[in-house]
Amino acid sequence: MSRILPAGPDTARDLAGVAQQMLASLTGESDWFSPARSAIVFLVDGLGAIQLRAHASHARHLAQAMPKKHTARTVAPSTTAAALTSLLTGAAPGEHGILGYSTLDPARRIVTNQLSGYENQGLDPETWQLAETIFERASARGIRPFSVGHSEYRATGFTRAVQRGSEFVAENDLEARVRVACALAAQTAGALVYCYIPELDKAGHRSGVDSDRWRATLERIDSALRPALALPAGVGAIVTADHGMVDVPPTRHILLGEGDPRLDDVRLIGGEPRFLHLYLDESSDADRVAQVWREANGKVADVSTREEAIADGLFGPFIADEARDRIGDVLVAARGLWAFYDDRLADKRAQTMIGQHGALTPEETTVPLIRLGAYG
């Protein structure tokens, strides 16, 4: 078993650079994209580039618009909270501090949910997310930033954490959401528009990528995005994603129960089933615990201590002081189609998810970077 290393070649486009380069394109300074008078980023949650190519017949417009090079690499872990924050700040997880689905709040020694913990667990969205957003930078340059999304996300803590500085436009219908985003960019010179499409991720979690429901949802999204294929002159657009997804069968669930030696010295478990953050008792030896996990799960996971992960650049080149202790003392990233569950928990709903993500397989970390309009 090896250590957890950043996914993909260093030459791959980084998801954290996408919105930042789009902003630069509005002033003619982008290294990636042609100059544009306004720009849209469509974020299709859960749409990996490998899944898109494998289902090209269900996404004819998107698949045709994505040459082989039109991909990017997401962050570690490959999960929504960390990846969306990187997209919308231009910073790696170690800098913005959102390091997984759930991570430790060191001040209170509790594991907090990075999507819903602002309302439910007392995280302050203004201070927990550490980086300036792309919307704040846009406003400072005289560029008008919009966020188009479902009304349920309008006032959430996570929205306030990662979209602060944007003008939120609520639209619940998928097709209308895309049309509104295109209209804002067409009618507002100097606009940066973010359009969030969560429907595919929800279908994948519930039914799996290899399901009629997922394929039908992909077909609907492909059809809904057709207006983005015919943008007015000067409007650039990108279709990308926060992560891909794999289907994990119940036979590949690794259950962690009472008396399991892998849980010796483990006080709290964070992260997600395919990328665990293990928080140890204060007197515990992280190297020893990591070795226990390596010996127990030699073919199904990679393991690093916090210090190893930081040295390897897993969470980016810089780790903010406030973020360091949010990282698990030991980290476990699943290989293949495996997932780890704390079976001591009374709530077993997580074990019903079919489509999953978080680890560093190509299926989870390779996302589309489809260039449309002025970027095409």
Protein backbone atom coordinates (compact mmCIF):
# COMPACT_ATOMS: atom_id res chain seq x y z
CA MET A 1 0.00 0.00 0.00
CA SER A 2 1.35 3.43 -0.93
CA ARG A 3 0.87 6.93 0.35
CA ILE A 4 -1.91 9.14 -1.00
CA LEU A 5 -0.48 11.31 -3.76
CA PRO A 6 -2.10 14.12 -5.78
CA ALA A 7 -3.94 12.75 -8.80
CA GLY A 8 -2.94 13.30 -12.40
CA PRO A 9 0.06 14.84 -14.16
CA ASP A 10 1.31 18.27 -13.16
CA THR A 11 0.52 19.51 -16.68
CA ALA A 12 -3.23 18.90 -16.30
CA ARG A 13 -5.48 21.93 -15.92
CA ASP A 14 -6.43 22.46 -12.29
CA LEU A 15 -10.10 23.03 -11.43
CA ALA A 16 -9.02 25.78 -9.04
CA GLY A 17 -7.77 27.80 -11.99
CA VAL A 18 -10.94 27.72 -14.10
CA ALA A 19 -13.01 30.64 -12.75
CA GLN A 20 -9.87 32.62 -12.03
CA GLN A 21 -8.81 32.31 -15.69
CA MET A 22 -12.34 33.16 -16.83
CA LEU A 23 -12.20 36.33 -14.78
CA ALA A 24 -8.87 37.15 -16.36
CA SER A 25 -10.38 36.59 -19.82
CA LEU A 26 -12.75 39.49 -19.20
CA THR A 27 -9.78 41.83 -19.11
CA GLY A 28 -7.86 40.03 -21.85
CA GLU A 29 -5.28 38.62 -19.43
CA SER A 30 -6.08 34.88 -19.40
CA ASP A 31 -3.45 32.28 -20.18
CA TRP A 32 -6.14 29.66 -20.88
CA PHE A 33 -9.05 31.41 -22.58
CA SER A 34 -9.60 33.94 -25.35
CA PRO A 35 -10.80 37.43 -24.39
CA ALA A 36 -14.54 37.69 -23.70
CA ARG A 37 -16.93 40.48 -22.77
CA SER A 38 -18.82 38.22 -20.35
CA ALA A 39 -18.45 34.63 -19.17
CA ILE A 40 -20.45 31.72 -17.75
CA VAL A 41 -19.28 28.66 -15.86
CA PHE A 42 -21.81 25.82 -15.83
CA LEU A 43 -20.98 23.43 -12.98
CA VAL A 44 -22.62 20.03 -13.50
CA ASP A 45 -22.18 18.38 -10.11
CA GLY A 46 -20.91 14.81 -10.46
CA LEU A 47 -20.22 14.78 -14.22
CA GLY A 48 -16.81 13.17 -14.65
CA ALA A 49 -15.14 13.34 -18.06
CA ILE A 50 -14.78 9.55 -18.16
CA GLN A 51 -18.49 9.05 -17.43
CA LEU A 52 -19.40 11.63 -20.08
CA ARG A 53 -17.36 9.84 -22.74
CA ALA A 54 -18.77 6.45 -21.71
CA HIS A 55 -22.31 7.81 -22.10
CA ALA A 56 -21.73 9.91 -25.21
CA SER A 57 -24.92 8.61 -26.83
CA HIS A 58 -26.89 10.12 -23.92
CA ALA A 59 -25.09 13.48 -24.09
CA ARG A 60 -24.56 14.04 -27.79
CA HIS A 61 -24.09 17.82 -27.61
CA LEU A 62 -21.68 17.83 -24.68
CA ALA A 63 -19.70 14.83 -25.90
CA GLN A 64 -19.23 16.37 -29.34
CA ALA A 65 -18.10 19.63 -27.75
CA MET A 66 -15.43 17.91 -25.62
CA PRO A 67 -12.21 17.01 -27.45
CA LYS A 68 -9.80 14.80 -25.55
CA LYS A 69 -7.81 17.75 -24.19
CA HIS A 70 -10.88 19.52 -22.79
CA THR A 71 -10.53 18.09 -19.28
CA ALA A 72 -9.28 19.28 -15.91
CA ARG A 73 -8.23 17.72 -12.63
CA THR A 74 -10.24 18.29 -9.48
CA VAL A 75 -8.90 18.58 -5.94
CA ALA A 76 -8.23 16.11 -3.14
CA PRO A 77 -10.54 14.91 -1.81
CA SER A 78 -12.76 14.74 -4.90
CA THR A 79 -15.84 15.94 -3.11
CA THR A 80 -18.32 18.76 -3.62
CA ALA A 81 -17.50 20.92 -0.62
CA ALA A 82 -13.76 21.02 -1.32
CA ALA A 83 -14.00 21.21 -5.11
CA LEU A 84 -16.70 23.89 -5.40
CA THR A 85 -14.78 26.02 -2.93
CA SER A 86 -11.61 25.64 -5.00
CA LEU A 87 -13.46 26.53 -8.20
CA LEU A 88 -15.03 29.61 -6.62
CA THR A 89 -11.95 30.88 -4.81
CA GLY A 90 -9.11 29.80 -7.08
CA ALA A 91 -7.42 28.27 -4.02
CA ALA A 92 -6.51 24.69 -3.12
CA PRO A 93 -8.24 23.07 -0.10
CA GLY A 94 -5.22 23.63 2.15
CA GLU A 95 -5.58 27.36 1.57
CA HIS A 96 -9.36 27.81 1.74
CA GLY A 97 -9.80 25.29 4.56
CA ILE A 98 -12.70 23.18 3.24
CA LEU A 99 -10.98 19.79 3.29
CA GLY A 100 -13.71 17.20 2.87
CA TYR A 101 -17.36 16.36 3.34
CA SER A 102 -16.82 16.51 7.08
CA THR A 103 -13.77 17.63 9.04
CA LEU A 104 -12.72 18.51 12.54
CA ASP A 105 -13.44 21.86 14.13
CA PRO A 106 -10.24 21.94 16.24
CA ALA A 107 -11.53 24.58 18.64
CA ARG A 108 -14.52 22.46 19.70
CA ARG A 109 -13.12 18.98 18.92
CA ILE A 110 -16.20 17.96 16.95
CA VAL A 111 -16.53 16.74 13.36
CA THR A 112 -18.52 19.23 11.31
CA ASN A 113 -20.34 18.87 8.00
CA GLN A 114 -18.79 21.23 5.44
CA LEU A 115 -22.03 21.61 3.46
CA SER A 116 -24.66 21.90 6.21
CA GLY A 117 -22.60 22.50 9.36
CA TYR A 118 -23.06 26.26 9.21
CA GLU A 119 -26.71 26.01 10.10
CA ASN A 120 -26.57 22.79 12.16
CA GLN A 121 -23.18 22.88 13.89
CA GLY A 122 -22.32 26.52 14.36
CA LEU A 123 -19.69 27.11 11.67
CA ASP A 124 -19.34 30.76 10.70
CA PRO A 125 -19.38 30.97 6.89
CA GLU A 126 -17.64 34.34 6.94
CA THR A 127 -14.58 33.00 8.74
CA TRP A 128 -14.53 29.20 8.31
CA GLN A 129 -13.90 29.46 4.56
CA LEU A 130 -10.59 31.29 4.54
CA ALA A 131 -10.09 32.58 0.98
CA GLU A 132 -11.42 35.52 -1.00
CA THR A 133 -14.02 34.40 -3.55
CA ILE A 134 -13.83 34.90 -7.28
CA PHE A 135 -16.99 37.02 -6.98
CA GLU A 136 -15.34 39.39 -4.54
CA ARG A 137 -12.38 39.75 -6.90
CA ALA A 138 -14.75 40.34 -9.83
CA SER A 139 -16.56 43.16 -8.02
CA ALA A 140 -13.25 44.81 -7.17
CA ARG A 141 -12.45 44.88 -10.92
CA GLY A 142 -15.81 46.39 -11.88
CA ILE A 143 -17.14 43.05 -13.17
CA ARG A 144 -20.69 42.13 -12.13
CA PRO A 145 -20.86 38.64 -10.58
CA PHE A 146 -23.99 36.48 -10.64
CA SER A 147 -24.81 33.08 -9.18
CA VAL A 148 -27.76 31.21 -10.71
CA GLY A 149 -29.03 28.28 -8.66
CA HIS A 150 -31.95 26.48 -7.09
CA SER A 151 -33.77 28.57 -4.49
CA GLU A 152 -32.96 26.02 -1.77
CA TYR A 153 -29.34 27.19 -1.90
CA ARG A 154 -30.05 30.93 -1.80
CA ALA A 155 -29.27 31.60 1.86
CA THR A 156 -27.41 28.51 3.05
CA GLY A 157 -24.23 28.84 5.04
CA PHE A 158 -22.22 27.06 2.37
CA THR A 159 -23.48 29.51 -0.26
CA ARG A 160 -22.48 32.40 2.00
CA ALA A 161 -19.07 30.80 2.52
CA VAL A 162 -18.15 30.21 -1.12
CA GLN A 163 -20.35 32.61 -3.11
CA ARG A 164 -20.04 35.75 -1.05
CA GLY A 165 -19.90 38.79 -3.26
CA SER A 166 -22.26 37.37 -5.91
CA GLU A 167 -25.80 38.39 -6.79
CA PHE A 168 -27.89 35.24 -6.33
CA VAL A 169 -30.59 34.58 -8.92
CA ALA A 170 -32.97 31.76 -7.97
CA GLU A 171 -34.36 29.43 -10.63
CA ASN A 172 -35.61 25.97 -9.71
CA ASP A 173 -36.28 24.63 -13.20
CA LEU A 174 -33.15 23.21 -14.86
CA GLU A 175 -33.87 24.41 -18.39
CA ALA A 176 -34.87 27.88 -17.21
CA ARG A 177 -31.75 28.05 -15.02
CA VAL A 178 -29.53 27.63 -18.07
CA ARG A 179 -31.53 30.17 -20.08
CA VAL A 180 -31.30 32.73 -17.26
CA ALA A 181 -27.52 32.26 -17.02
CA CYS A 182 -27.14 32.74 -20.78
CA ALA A 183 -29.38 35.82 -20.73
CA LEU A 184 -27.47 37.44 -17.89
CA ALA A 185 -24.19 37.00 -19.73
CA ALA A 186 -25.64 38.20 -23.04
CA GLN A 187 -27.35 41.26 -21.60
CA THR A 188 -24.72 42.36 -19.07
CA ALA A 189 -21.37 43.37 -20.51
CA GLY A 190 -18.64 42.57 -18.01
CA ALA A 191 -20.60 39.80 -16.24
CA LEU A 192 -19.22 36.66 -14.61
CA VAL A 193 -22.03 34.11 -14.21
CA TYR A 194 -21.90 30.88 -12.20
CA CYS A 195 -24.68 28.36 -12.89
CA TYR A 196 -24.98 25.35 -10.57
CA ILE A 197 -26.59 22.12 -11.83
CA PRO A 198 -26.90 19.54 -8.98
CA GLU A 199 -29.40 17.14 -10.55
CA LEU A 200 -26.90 14.57 -11.88
CA ASP A 201 -25.05 14.17 -8.58
CA LYS A 202 -28.32 13.49 -6.79
CA ALA A 203 -29.29 10.86 -9.35
CA GLY A 204 -25.87 9.21 -9.09
CA HIS A 205 -25.90 8.97 -5.31
CA ARG A 206 -29.37 7.45 -5.24
CA SER A 207 -29.28 5.17 -8.28
CA GLY A 208 -25.67 4.96 -9.47
CA VAL A 209 -23.98 5.98 -12.70
CA ASP A 210 -24.99 2.68 -14.29
CA SER A 211 -28.70 3.38 -14.01
CA ASP A 212 -31.54 4.51 -16.23
CA ARG A 213 -32.20 7.40 -13.86
CA TRP A 214 -28.64 8.73 -14.18
CA ARG A 215 -28.68 8.39 -17.97
CA ALA A 216 -32.07 10.09 -18.24
CA THR A 217 -30.81 12.96 -16.09
CA LEU A 218 -27.70 13.30 -18.25
CA GLU A 219 -29.89 13.43 -21.36
CA ARG A 220 -31.98 16.20 -19.80
CA ILE A 221 -28.90 18.22 -18.84
CA ASP A 222 -27.43 17.80 -22.32
CA SER A 223 -30.64 19.13 -23.82
CA ALA A 224 -30.91 21.95 -21.28
CA LEU A 225 -27.40 23.17 -22.13
CA ARG A 226 -28.14 23.56 -25.86
CA PRO A 227 -28.51 27.39 -25.53
CA ALA A 228 -24.88 27.49 -24.38
CA LEU A 229 -23.87 26.07 -27.75
CA ALA A 230 -25.23 29.18 -29.51
CA LEU A 231 -24.05 32.09 -27.37
CA PRO A 232 -23.87 35.64 -28.74
CA ALA A 233 -20.52 36.95 -29.97
CA GLY A 234 -18.15 37.80 -27.15
CA VAL A 235 -19.73 35.51 -24.54
CA GLY A 236 -17.50 32.66 -23.37
CA ALA A 237 -18.67 29.62 -21.42
CA ILE A 238 -17.19 26.59 -19.72
CA VAL A 239 -18.99 23.38 -18.77
CA THR A 240 -17.14 21.62 -15.96
CA ALA A 241 -17.74 19.56 -12.82
CA ASP A 242 -16.53 19.23 -9.26
CA HIS A 243 -15.86 15.46 -9.49
CA GLY A 244 -16.79 12.26 -11.26
CA MET A 245 -18.40 9.25 -9.62
CA VAL A 246 -18.08 5.48 -9.28
CA ASP A 247 -20.67 2.88 -8.29
CA VAL A 248 -19.73 1.01 -5.11
CA PRO A 249 -21.63 -2.27 -4.61
CA PRO A 250 -22.58 -3.36 -1.07
CA THR A 251 -20.13 -6.25 -1.41
CA ARG A 252 -17.32 -3.66 -1.45
CA HIS A 253 -18.39 -1.94 1.78
CA ILE A 254 -15.74 -2.27 4.49
CA LEU A 255 -17.48 -1.94 7.84
CA LEU A 256 -15.60 -0.64 10.87
CA GLY A 257 -17.13 -1.98 14.07
CA GLU A 258 -16.52 -2.30 17.79
CA GLY A 259 -13.23 -3.99 18.63
CA ASP A 260 -11.71 -3.36 15.18
CA PRO A 261 -7.95 -2.82 15.70
CA ARG A 262 -8.00 -0.17 12.97
CA LEU A 263 -10.05 1.99 15.34
CA ASP A 264 -7.65 1.71 18.26
CA ASP A 265 -6.59 5.25 19.20
CA VAL A 266 -9.10 6.76 16.72
CA ARG A 267 -11.24 9.30 18.56
CA LEU A 268 -13.25 10.71 15.64
CA ILE A 269 -13.82 9.86 11.96
CA GLY A 270 -14.44 12.52 9.32
CA GLY A 271 -14.28 12.75 5.56
CA GLU A 272 -16.46 10.41 3.50
CA PRO A 273 -16.56 6.68 2.75
CA ARG A 274 -13.93 6.91 -0.01
CA PHE A 275 -11.65 9.37 1.79
CA LEU A 276 -11.43 9.12 5.58
CA HIS A 277 -9.97 11.66 7.99
CA LEU A 278 -9.00 9.81 11.18
CA TYR A 279 -8.57 12.01 14.25
CA LEU A 280 -6.54 10.30 16.96
CA ASP A 281 -6.28 10.50 20.72
CA GLU A 282 -3.72 13.13 21.68
CA SER A 283 -1.13 10.60 22.87
CA SER A 284 -1.42 8.36 19.80
CA ASP A 285 1.32 7.76 17.23
CA ALA A 286 0.02 8.60 13.75
CA ASP A 287 2.78 6.59 12.06
CA ARG A 288 1.81 3.47 14.01
CA VAL A 289 -1.91 3.88 13.26
CA ALA A 290 -1.14 4.43 9.58
CA GLN A 291 0.88 1.23 9.52
CA VAL A 292 -2.01 -0.71 11.06
CA TRP A 293 -4.26 0.50 8.24
CA ARG A 294 -1.65 -0.31 5.60
CA GLU A 295 -1.30 -3.85 6.86
CA ALA A 296 -5.05 -4.38 7.15
CA ASN A 297 -6.05 -2.90 3.78
CA GLY A 298 -3.03 -3.47 1.58
CA LYS A 299 -4.87 -3.74 -1.74
CA VAL A 300 -7.92 -1.53 -1.30
CA ALA A 301 -6.64 1.84 -0.01
CA ASP A 302 -3.71 4.22 0.21
CA VAL A 303 -2.78 5.74 3.57
CA SER A 304 -0.89 8.86 4.63
CA THR A 305 -0.30 10.66 7.86
CA ARG A 306 -1.13 14.35 7.95
CA GLU A 307 2.54 15.28 7.75
CA GLU A 308 3.10 13.00 4.77
CA ALA A 309 0.07 14.41 2.96
CA ILE A 310 1.18 17.99 3.52
CA ALA A 311 4.73 17.21 2.38
CA ASP A 312 3.37 15.52 -0.75
CA GLY A 313 1.18 18.52 -1.61
CA LEU A 314 -2.04 16.52 -1.41
CA PHE A 315 -4.10 19.56 -0.38
CA GLY A 316 -2.10 22.06 -2.41
CA PRO A 317 1.23 23.89 -2.06
CA PHE A 318 0.16 26.00 0.92
CA ILE A 319 -1.58 25.02 4.16
CA ALA A 320 -3.17 27.86 6.10
CA ASP A 321 -2.49 27.82 9.83
CA GLU A 322 -6.23 27.63 10.54
CA ALA A 323 -6.63 24.66 8.20
CA ARG A 324 -3.78 22.45 9.40
CA ASP A 325 -5.53 20.85 12.36
CA ARG A 326 -8.70 20.28 10.36
CA ILE A 327 -6.81 17.58 8.43
CA GLY A 328 -6.99 14.07 9.86
CA ASP A 329 -3.97 12.71 11.73
CA VAL A 330 -4.25 9.76 9.33
CA LEU A 331 -5.91 9.81 5.88
CA VAL A 332 -7.31 6.80 4.01
CA ALA A 333 -8.19 6.99 0.30
CA ALA A 334 -10.01 4.03 -1.23
CA ARG A 335 -8.79 2.38 -4.40
CA GLY A 336 -11.00 0.73 -7.00
CA LEU A 337 -14.66 0.29 -6.00
CA TRP A 338 -14.32 0.20 -2.21
CA ALA A 339 -15.73 2.34 0.60
CA PHE A 340 -15.26 2.46 4.37
CA TYR A 341 -18.13 2.92 6.83
CA ASP A 342 -18.24 3.43 10.57
CA ASP A 343 -20.76 0.69 11.33
CA ARG A 344 -21.08 1.82 14.94
CA LEU A 345 -23.30 4.70 13.81
CA ALA A 346 -27.04 4.22 14.26
CA ASP A 347 -27.76 6.13 11.05
CA LYS A 348 -27.02 3.76 8.13
CA ARG A 349 -28.32 5.99 5.32
CA ALA A 350 -24.83 6.63 3.95
CA GLN A 351 -24.52 2.90 3.26
CA THR A 352 -27.46 3.09 0.83
CA MET A 353 -25.62 5.41 -1.59
CA ILE A 354 -24.63 3.69 -4.82
CA GLY A 355 -22.70 6.40 -6.67
CA GLN A 356 -19.80 7.72 -4.62
CA HIS A 357 -16.71 9.92 -4.88
CA GLY A 358 -13.97 11.43 -2.75
CA ALA A 359 -10.97 9.29 -3.63
CA LEU A 360 -8.34 9.91 -6.31
CA THR A 361 -9.15 7.47 -9.09
CA PRO A 362 -9.25 8.92 -12.64
CA GLU A 363 -13.02 8.32 -12.71
CA GLU A 364 -13.42 10.65 -9.73
CA THR A 365 -10.78 13.28 -10.46
CA THR A 366 -11.00 13.88 -14.23
CA VAL A 367 -13.68 16.44 -15.08
CA PRO A 368 -14.79 18.10 -18.32
CA LEU A 369 -13.46 21.51 -19.32
CA ILE A 370 -15.67 22.13 -22.32
CA ARG A 371 -15.07 25.49 -24.02
CA LEU A 372 -18.02 27.19 -25.70
CA GLY A 373 -18.79 30.50 -27.36
CA ALA A 374 -15.86 32.92 -27.32
CA TYR A 375 -13.74 30.22 -25.65
CA GLY A 376 -14.42 27.59 -28.31
